[in-house]
Amino acid sequence: MALFSKLFGGGKTPEPAMSETYKDFAITPVAQKESGGWRLTARIEKDGKEHMLIRSDVLQSKDQADEAAVAKAKQIIDEQGERLFG
């Protein structure tokens, strides 16, 4: 049965990252696995609007990528605020 799990995407699901609220924005790290590590990615949401932050940074561990994504999202919120959504 393990063969079918691998073929059809079954098996372990990655543990979802915890969302964090910062200045009324919800920040959810969404690290993406890359060949050299984990790409720094986060979803920023407020009042039904969503912005995906995707950086070129690739870090060694998922935890590092998640922490860096939250820090970068906070910086962008401080710089752009509501303008973030266009």
PDB file of N, CA and C in Angstrom:
ATOM      1  N   MET A   1       0.803  -1.189   0.000  1.00  0.00           N
ATOM      2  CA  MET A   1       0.000   0.000   0.000  1.00  0.00           C
ATOM      3  C   MET A   1       0.855   1.265   0.000  1.00  0.00           C
ATOM      4  N   ALA A   2       2.073   1.183   0.501  1.00  0.00           N
ATOM      5  CA  ALA A   2       2.935   2.361   0.522  1.00  0.00           C
ATOM      6  C   ALA A   2       3.217   2.854  -0.895  1.00  0.00           C
ATOM      7  N   LEU A   3       3.268   1.928  -1.841  1.00  0.00           N
ATOM      8  CA  LEU A   3       3.492   2.301  -3.233  1.00  0.00           C
ATOM      9  C   LEU A   3       2.380   3.216  -3.723  1.00  0.00           C
ATOM     10  N   PHE A   4       1.124   2.862  -3.429  1.00  0.00           N
ATOM     11  CA  PHE A   4      -0.007   3.680  -3.867  1.00  0.00           C
ATOM     12  C   PHE A   4      -0.004   5.043  -3.185  1.00  0.00           C
ATOM     13  N   SER A   5       0.398   5.085  -1.929  1.00  0.00           N
ATOM     14  CA  SER A   5       0.469   6.363  -1.219  1.00  0.00           C
ATOM     15  C   SER A   5       1.457   7.297  -1.902  1.00  0.00           C
ATOM     16  N   LYS A   6       2.602   6.765  -2.293  1.00  0.00           N
ATOM     17  CA  LYS A   6       3.611   7.581  -2.951  1.00  0.00           C
ATOM     18  C   LYS A   6       3.152   8.018  -4.338  1.00  0.00           C
ATOM     19  N   LEU A   7       2.488   7.113  -5.059  1.00  0.00           N
ATOM     20  CA  LEU A   7       2.026   7.431  -6.411  1.00  0.00           C
ATOM     21  C   LEU A   7       0.929   8.481  -6.429  1.00  0.00           C
ATOM     22  N   PHE A   8       0.019   8.419  -5.482  1.00  0.00           N
ATOM     23  CA  PHE A   8      -1.148   9.286  -5.503  1.00  0.00           C
ATOM     24  C   PHE A   8      -1.101  10.396  -4.458  1.00  0.00           C
ATOM     25  N   GLY A   9       0.070  10.665  -3.920  1.00  0.00           N
ATOM     26  CA  GLY A   9       0.232  11.798  -3.020  1.00  0.00           C
ATOM     27  C   GLY A   9      -0.266  11.581  -1.610  1.00  0.00           C
ATOM     28  N   GLY A  10      -0.531  10.365  -1.224  1.00  0.00           N
ATOM     29  CA  GLY A  10      -0.992  10.109   0.139  1.00  0.00           C
ATOM     30  C   GLY A  10       0.158  10.145   1.113  1.00  0.00           C
ATOM     31  N   GLY A  11      -0.111   9.770   2.307  1.00  0.00           N
ATOM     32  CA  GLY A  11       0.933   9.734   3.316  1.00  0.00           C
ATOM     33  C   GLY A  11       0.882  10.946   4.212  1.00  0.00           C
ATOM     34  N   LYS A  12       2.038  11.311   4.743  1.00  0.00           N
ATOM     35  CA  LYS A  12       2.106  12.416   5.700  1.00  0.00           C
ATOM     36  C   LYS A  12       1.825  13.755   5.022  1.00  0.00           C
ATOM     37  N   THR A  13       1.028  14.551   5.686  1.00  0.00           N
ATOM     38  CA  THR A  13       0.790  15.922   5.237  1.00  0.00           C
ATOM     39  C   THR A  13       1.642  16.837   6.095  1.00  0.00           C
ATOM     40  N   PRO A  14       2.276  17.845   5.477  1.00  0.00           N
ATOM     41  CA  PRO A  14       3.090  18.733   6.290  1.00  0.00           C
ATOM     42  C   PRO A  14       2.245  19.493   7.301  1.00  0.00           C
ATOM     43  N   GLU A  15       2.827  19.703   8.450  1.00  0.00           N
ATOM     44  CA  GLU A  15       2.131  20.427   9.512  1.00  0.00           C
ATOM     45  C   GLU A  15       1.975  21.892   9.097  1.00  0.00           C
ATOM     46  N   PRO A  16       0.751  22.429   9.126  1.00  0.00           N
ATOM     47  CA  PRO A  16       0.564  23.823   8.705  1.00  0.00           C
ATOM     48  C   PRO A  16       1.224  24.790   9.685  1.00  0.00           C
ATOM     49  N   ALA A  17       1.751  25.861   9.136  1.00  0.00           N
ATOM     50  CA  ALA A  17       2.394  26.869   9.979  1.00  0.00           C
ATOM     51  C   ALA A  17       1.335  27.672  10.726  1.00  0.00           C
ATOM     52  N   MET A  18       1.702  28.158  11.872  1.00  0.00           N
ATOM     53  CA  MET A  18       0.780  28.943  12.683  1.00  0.00           C
ATOM     54  C   MET A  18       0.708  30.373  12.141  1.00  0.00           C
ATOM     55  N   SER A  19      -0.510  30.904  12.074  1.00  0.00           N
ATOM     56  CA  SER A  19      -0.705  32.293  11.665  1.00  0.00           C
ATOM     57  C   SER A  19      -0.369  33.215  12.828  1.00  0.00           C
ATOM     58  N   GLU A  20       0.039  34.413  12.488  1.00  0.00           N
ATOM     59  CA  GLU A  20       0.359  35.427  13.488  1.00  0.00           C
ATOM     60  C   GLU A  20      -0.349  36.715  13.084  1.00  0.00           C
ATOM     61  N   THR A  21      -0.886  37.438  14.049  1.00  0.00           N
ATOM     62  CA  THR A  21      -1.543  38.711  13.767  1.00  0.00           C
ATOM     63  C   THR A  21      -0.590  39.848  14.104  1.00  0.00           C
ATOM     64  N   TYR A  22      -0.472  40.786  13.165  1.00  0.00           N
ATOM     65  CA  TYR A  22       0.403  41.943  13.340  1.00  0.00           C
ATOM     66  C   TYR A  22      -0.303  43.162  12.757  1.00  0.00           C
ATOM     67  N   LYS A  23      -0.608  44.147  13.585  1.00  0.00           N
ATOM     68  CA  LYS A  23      -1.303  45.372  13.167  1.00  0.00           C
ATOM     69  C   LYS A  23      -2.576  45.057  12.375  1.00  0.00           C
ATOM     70  N   ASP A  24      -3.358  44.116  12.858  1.00  0.00           N
ATOM     71  CA  ASP A  24      -4.624  43.683  12.254  1.00  0.00           C
ATOM     72  C   ASP A  24      -4.459  42.923  10.940  1.00  0.00           C
ATOM     73  N   PHE A  25      -3.246  42.565  10.550  1.00  0.00           N
ATOM     74  CA  PHE A  25      -2.991  41.733   9.381  1.00  0.00           C
ATOM     75  C   PHE A  25      -2.698  40.317   9.874  1.00  0.00           C
ATOM     76  N   ALA A  26      -3.212  39.318   9.184  1.00  0.00           N
ATOM     77  CA  ALA A  26      -2.888  37.925   9.500  1.00  0.00           C
ATOM     78  C   ALA A  26      -1.726  37.502   8.605  1.00  0.00           C
ATOM     79  N   ILE A  27      -0.676  36.987   9.207  1.00  0.00           N
ATOM     80  CA  ILE A  27       0.504  36.530   8.472  1.00  0.00           C
ATOM     81  C   ILE A  27       0.606  35.023   8.652  1.00  0.00           C
ATOM     82  N   THR A  28       0.628  34.298   7.537  1.00  0.00           N
ATOM     83  CA  THR A  28       0.771  32.847   7.578  1.00  0.00           C
ATOM     84  C   THR A  28       1.975  32.445   6.740  1.00  0.00           C
ATOM     85  N   PRO A  29       3.048  31.938   7.359  1.00  0.00           N
ATOM     86  CA  PRO A  29       4.185  31.467   6.576  1.00  0.00           C
ATOM     87  C   PRO A  29       3.787  30.243   5.753  1.00  0.00           C
ATOM     88  N   VAL A  30       4.226  30.210   4.499  1.00  0.00           N
ATOM     89  CA  VAL A  30       3.892  29.098   3.601  1.00  0.00           C
ATOM     90  C   VAL A  30       5.186  28.700   2.890  1.00  0.00           C
ATOM     91  N   ALA A  31       6.179  28.230   3.636  1.00  0.00           N
ATOM     92  CA  ALA A  31       7.475  27.880   3.055  1.00  0.00           C
ATOM     93  C   ALA A  31       7.302  26.826   1.967  1.00  0.00           C
ATOM     94  N   GLN A  32       8.025  27.013   0.853  1.00  0.00           N
ATOM     95  CA  GLN A  32       7.948  26.083  -0.271  1.00  0.00           C
ATOM     96  C   GLN A  32       9.266  25.335  -0.394  1.00  0.00           C
ATOM     97  N   LYS A  33       9.186  24.019  -0.509  1.00  0.00           N
ATOM     98  CA  LYS A  33      10.382  23.188  -0.634  1.00  0.00           C
ATOM     99  C   LYS A  33      11.030  23.437  -1.988  1.00  0.00           C
ATOM    100  N   GLU A  34      12.312  23.711  -1.977  1.00  0.00           N
ATOM    101  CA  GLU A  34      13.104  23.929  -3.186  1.00  0.00           C
ATOM    102  C   GLU A  34      14.276  22.961  -3.159  1.00  0.00           C
ATOM    103  N   SER A  35      14.997  22.871  -4.255  1.00  0.00           N
ATOM    104  CA  SER A  35      16.113  21.931  -4.318  1.00  0.00           C
ATOM    105  C   SER A  35      17.212  22.262  -3.309  1.00  0.00           C
ATOM    106  N   GLY A  36      17.414  23.540  -2.999  1.00  0.00           N
ATOM    107  CA  GLY A  36      18.470  23.915  -2.075  1.00  0.00           C
ATOM    108  C   GLY A  36      18.005  24.196  -0.665  1.00  0.00           C
ATOM    109  N   GLY A  37      16.722  24.007  -0.388  1.00  0.00           N
ATOM    110  CA  GLY A  37      16.197  24.294   0.947  1.00  0.00           C
ATOM    111  C   GLY A  37      14.737  24.689   0.887  1.00  0.00           C
ATOM    112  N   TRP A  38      14.379  25.770   1.578  1.00  0.00           N
ATOM    113  CA  TRP A  38      12.984  26.227   1.681  1.00  0.00           C
ATOM    114  C   TRP A  38      12.886  27.687   1.248  1.00  0.00           C
ATOM    115  N   ARG A  39      11.999  27.965   0.286  1.00  0.00           N
ATOM    116  CA  ARG A  39      11.784  29.332  -0.200  1.00  0.00           C
ATOM    117  C   ARG A  39      10.926  30.114   0.788  1.00  0.00           C
ATOM    118  N   LEU A  40      11.316  31.354   1.029  1.00  0.00           N
ATOM    119  CA  LEU A  40      10.620  32.250   1.947  1.00  0.00           C
ATOM    120  C   LEU A  40       9.331  32.742   1.273  1.00  0.00           C
ATOM    121  N   THR A  41       8.186  32.321   1.796  1.00  0.00           N
ATOM    122  CA  THR A  41       6.875  32.666   1.248  1.00  0.00           C
ATOM    123  C   THR A  41       5.895  32.848   2.402  1.00  0.00           C
ATOM    124  N   ALA A  42       4.998  33.836   2.266  1.00  0.00           N
ATOM    125  CA  ALA A  42       3.985  34.063   3.303  1.00  0.00           C
ATOM    126  C   ALA A  42       2.715  34.626   2.670  1.00  0.00           C
ATOM    127  N   ARG A  43       1.594  34.348   3.310  1.00  0.00           N
ATOM    128  CA  ARG A  43       0.305  34.918   2.914  1.00  0.00           C
ATOM    129  C   ARG A  43      -0.037  36.007   3.934  1.00  0.00           C
ATOM    130  N   ILE A  44      -0.351  37.208   3.426  1.00  0.00           N
ATOM    131  CA  ILE A  44      -0.737  38.333   4.278  1.00  0.00           C
ATOM    132  C   ILE A  44      -2.198  38.636   3.975  1.00  0.00           C
ATOM    133  N   GLU A  45      -3.044  38.655   5.027  1.00  0.00           N
ATOM    134  CA  GLU A  45      -4.481  38.848   4.833  1.00  0.00           C
ATOM    135  C   GLU A  45      -5.026  39.915   5.777  1.00  0.00           C
ATOM    136  N   LYS A  46      -6.055  40.627   5.271  1.00  0.00           N
ATOM    137  CA  LYS A  46      -6.786  41.577   6.107  1.00  0.00           C
ATOM    138  C   LYS A  46      -8.103  41.910   5.411  1.00  0.00           C
ATOM    139  N   ASP A  47      -9.194  41.845   6.155  1.00  0.00           N
ATOM    140  CA  ASP A  47     -10.524  42.207   5.651  1.00  0.00           C
ATOM    141  C   ASP A  47     -10.871  41.498   4.343  1.00  0.00           C
ATOM    142  N   GLY A  48     -10.551  40.223   4.234  1.00  0.00           N
ATOM    143  CA  GLY A  48     -10.894  39.441   3.047  1.00  0.00           C
ATOM    144  C   GLY A  48      -9.949  39.630   1.873  1.00  0.00           C
ATOM    145  N   LYS A  49      -8.949  40.492   2.009  1.00  0.00           N
ATOM    146  CA  LYS A  49      -7.961  40.711   0.950  1.00  0.00           C
ATOM    147  C   LYS A  49      -6.733  39.865   1.259  1.00  0.00           C
ATOM    148  N   GLU A  50      -6.044  39.431   0.207  1.00  0.00           N
ATOM    149  CA  GLU A  50      -4.882  38.560   0.386  1.00  0.00           C
ATOM    150  C   GLU A  50      -3.741  38.999  -0.521  1.00  0.00           C
ATOM    151  N   HIS A  51      -2.532  38.932   0.015  1.00  0.00           N
ATOM    152  CA  HIS A  51      -1.320  39.207  -0.757  1.00  0.00           C
ATOM    153  C   HIS A  51      -0.341  38.068  -0.497  1.00  0.00           C
ATOM    154  N   MET A  52       0.224  37.493  -1.560  1.00  0.00           N
ATOM    155  CA  MET A  52       1.236  36.450  -1.405  1.00  0.00           C
ATOM    156  C   MET A  52       2.617  37.082  -1.517  1.00  0.00           C
ATOM    157  N   LEU A  53       3.401  36.897  -0.482  1.00  0.00           N
ATOM    158  CA  LEU A  53       4.783  37.371  -0.455  1.00  0.00           C
ATOM    159  C   LEU A  53       5.662  36.196  -0.869  1.00  0.00           C
ATOM    160  N   ILE A  54       6.371  36.336  -1.981  1.00  0.00           N
ATOM    161  CA  ILE A  54       7.270  35.283  -2.450  1.00  0.00           C
ATOM    162  C   ILE A  54       8.632  35.922  -2.683  1.00  0.00           C
ATOM    163  N   ARG A  55       9.609  35.474  -1.935  1.00  0.00           N
ATOM    164  CA  ARG A  55      10.960  36.022  -2.027  1.00  0.00           C
ATOM    165  C   ARG A  55      11.877  35.018  -2.714  1.00  0.00           C
ATOM    166  N   SER A  56      12.999  35.506  -3.210  1.00  0.00           N
ATOM    167  CA  SER A  56      13.962  34.613  -3.853  1.00  0.00           C
ATOM    168  C   SER A  56      14.834  33.897  -2.823  1.00  0.00           C
ATOM    169  N   ASP A  57      14.761  34.336  -1.563  1.00  0.00           N
ATOM    170  CA  ASP A  57      15.576  33.734  -0.503  1.00  0.00           C
ATOM    171  C   ASP A  57      15.241  32.260  -0.314  1.00  0.00           C
ATOM    172  N   VAL A  58      16.272  31.421  -0.229  1.00  0.00           N
ATOM    173  CA  VAL A  58      16.102  29.997   0.077  1.00  0.00           C
ATOM    174  C   VAL A  58      16.952  29.703   1.307  1.00  0.00           C
ATOM    175  N   LEU A  59      16.304  29.203   2.361  1.00  0.00           N
ATOM    176  CA  LEU A  59      16.981  28.930   3.628  1.00  0.00           C
ATOM    177  C   LEU A  59      17.064  27.427   3.873  1.00  0.00           C
ATOM    178  N   GLN A  60      17.955  27.027   4.763  1.00  0.00           N
ATOM    179  CA  GLN A  60      18.238  25.611   4.988  1.00  0.00           C
ATOM    180  C   GLN A  60      17.092  24.834   5.625  1.00  0.00           C
ATOM    181  N   SER A  61      16.352  25.444   6.540  1.00  0.00           N
ATOM    182  CA  SER A  61      15.293  24.699   7.226  1.00  0.00           C
ATOM    183  C   SER A  61      13.950  25.401   7.063  1.00  0.00           C
ATOM    184  N   LYS A  62      12.885  24.639   7.205  1.00  0.00           N
ATOM    185  CA  LYS A  62      11.530  25.182   7.109  1.00  0.00           C
ATOM    186  C   LYS A  62      11.297  26.195   8.226  1.00  0.00           C
ATOM    187  N   ASP A  63      11.773  25.893   9.425  1.00  0.00           N
ATOM    188  CA  ASP A  63      11.604  26.816  10.556  1.00  0.00           C
ATOM    189  C   ASP A  63      12.276  28.161  10.289  1.00  0.00           C
ATOM    190  N   GLN A  64      13.487  28.122   9.723  1.00  0.00           N
ATOM    191  CA  GLN A  64      14.185  29.364   9.386  1.00  0.00           C
ATOM    192  C   GLN A  64      13.400  30.159   8.348  1.00  0.00           C
ATOM    193  N   ALA A  65      12.884  29.464   7.334  1.00  0.00           N
ATOM    194  CA  ALA A  65      12.116  30.127   6.275  1.00  0.00           C
ATOM    195  C   ALA A  65      10.835  30.736   6.836  1.00  0.00           C
ATOM    196  N   ASP A  66      10.156  30.012   7.727  1.00  0.00           N
ATOM    197  CA  ASP A  66       8.928  30.527   8.338  1.00  0.00           C
ATOM    198  C   ASP A  66       9.211  31.783   9.166  1.00  0.00           C
ATOM    199  N   GLU A  67      10.262  31.740   9.982  1.00  0.00           N
ATOM    200  CA  GLU A  67      10.616  32.896  10.816  1.00  0.00           C
ATOM    201  C   GLU A  67      10.982  34.107   9.960  1.00  0.00           C
ATOM    202  N   ALA A  68      11.767  33.873   8.915  1.00  0.00           N
ATOM    203  CA  ALA A  68      12.173  34.968   8.035  1.00  0.00           C
ATOM    204  C   ALA A  68      10.976  35.526   7.266  1.00  0.00           C
ATOM    205  N   ALA A  69      10.043  34.668   6.878  1.00  0.00           N
ATOM    206  CA  ALA A  69       8.850  35.110   6.148  1.00  0.00           C
ATOM    207  C   ALA A  69       7.992  36.026   7.014  1.00  0.00           C
ATOM    208  N   VAL A  70       7.821  35.671   8.270  1.00  0.00           N
ATOM    209  CA  VAL A  70       7.035  36.507   9.188  1.00  0.00           C
ATOM    210  C   VAL A  70       7.735  37.853   9.390  1.00  0.00           C
ATOM    211  N   ALA A  71       9.045  37.838   9.570  1.00  0.00           N
ATOM    212  CA  ALA A  71       9.797  39.085   9.760  1.00  0.00           C
ATOM    213  C   ALA A  71       9.689  39.979   8.527  1.00  0.00           C
ATOM    214  N   LYS A  72       9.821  39.400   7.339  1.00  0.00           N
ATOM    215  CA  LYS A  72       9.733  40.175   6.101  1.00  0.00           C
ATOM    216  C   LYS A  72       8.314  40.695   5.893  1.00  0.00           C
ATOM    217  N   ALA A  73       7.309  39.899   6.227  1.00  0.00           N
ATOM    218  CA  ALA A  73       5.914  40.341   6.099  1.00  0.00           C
ATOM    219  C   ALA A  73       5.650  41.533   7.017  1.00  0.00           C
ATOM    220  N   LYS A  74       6.171  41.496   8.232  1.00  0.00           N
ATOM    221  CA  LYS A  74       6.009  42.623   9.162  1.00  0.00           C
ATOM    222  C   LYS A  74       6.662  43.884   8.603  1.00  0.00           C
ATOM    223  N   GLN A  75       7.832  43.734   8.008  1.00  0.00           N
ATOM    224  CA  GLN A  75       8.527  44.872   7.416  1.00  0.00           C
ATOM    225  C   GLN A  75       7.693  45.474   6.284  1.00  0.00           C
ATOM    226  N   ILE A  76       7.128  44.635   5.435  1.00  0.00           N
ATOM    227  CA  ILE A  76       6.310  45.111   4.317  1.00  0.00           C
ATOM    228  C   ILE A  76       5.045  45.795   4.829  1.00  0.00           C
ATOM    229  N   ILE A  77       4.439  45.240   5.865  1.00  0.00           N
ATOM    230  CA  ILE A  77       3.246  45.862   6.461  1.00  0.00           C
ATOM    231  C   ILE A  77       3.599  47.243   7.008  1.00  0.00           C
ATOM    232  N   ASP A  78       4.749  47.357   7.690  1.00  0.00           N
ATOM    233  CA  ASP A  78       5.184  48.651   8.225  1.00  0.00           C
ATOM    234  C   ASP A  78       5.418  49.665   7.103  1.00  0.00           C
ATOM    235  N   GLU A  79       5.986  49.208   5.986  1.00  0.00           N
ATOM    236  CA  GLU A  79       6.318  50.107   4.883  1.00  0.00           C
ATOM    237  C   GLU A  79       5.100  50.489   4.044  1.00  0.00           C
ATOM    238  N   GLN A  80       4.198  49.519   3.786  1.00  0.00           N
ATOM    239  CA  GLN A  80       3.127  49.748   2.823  1.00  0.00           C
ATOM    240  C   GLN A  80       1.728  49.805   3.423  1.00  0.00           C
ATOM    241  N   GLY A  81       1.518  49.158   4.543  1.00  0.00           N
ATOM    242  CA  GLY A  81       0.193  49.145   5.159  1.00  0.00           C
ATOM    243  C   GLY A  81      -0.876  48.651   4.193  1.00  0.00           C
ATOM    244  N   GLU A  82      -2.007  49.359   4.117  1.00  0.00           N
ATOM    245  CA  GLU A  82      -3.136  48.972   3.264  1.00  0.00           C
ATOM    246  C   GLU A  82      -2.787  48.998   1.775  1.00  0.00           C
ATOM    247  N   ARG A  83      -1.787  49.804   1.383  1.00  0.00           N
ATOM    248  CA  ARG A  83      -1.386  49.874  -0.032  1.00  0.00           C
ATOM    249  C   ARG A  83      -0.881  48.534  -0.545  1.00  0.00           C
ATOM    250  N   LEU A  84      -0.559  47.654   0.359  1.00  0.00           N
ATOM    251  CA  LEU A  84      -0.076  46.324   0.008  1.00  0.00           C
ATOM    252  C   LEU A  84      -1.038  45.598  -0.931  1.00  0.00           C
ATOM    253  N   PHE A  85      -2.325  45.867  -0.791  1.00  0.00           N
ATOM    254  CA  PHE A  85      -3.340  45.163  -1.573  1.00  0.00           C
ATOM    255  C   PHE A  85      -3.672  45.858  -2.892  1.00  0.00           C
ATOM    256  N   GLY A  86      -2.942  46.886  -3.240  1.00  0.00           N
ATOM    257  CA  GLY A  86      -3.125  47.504  -4.546  1.00  0.00           C
ATOM    258  C   GLY A  86      -3.973  48.683  -4.508  1.00  0.00           C
TER     259      GLY A  86
END
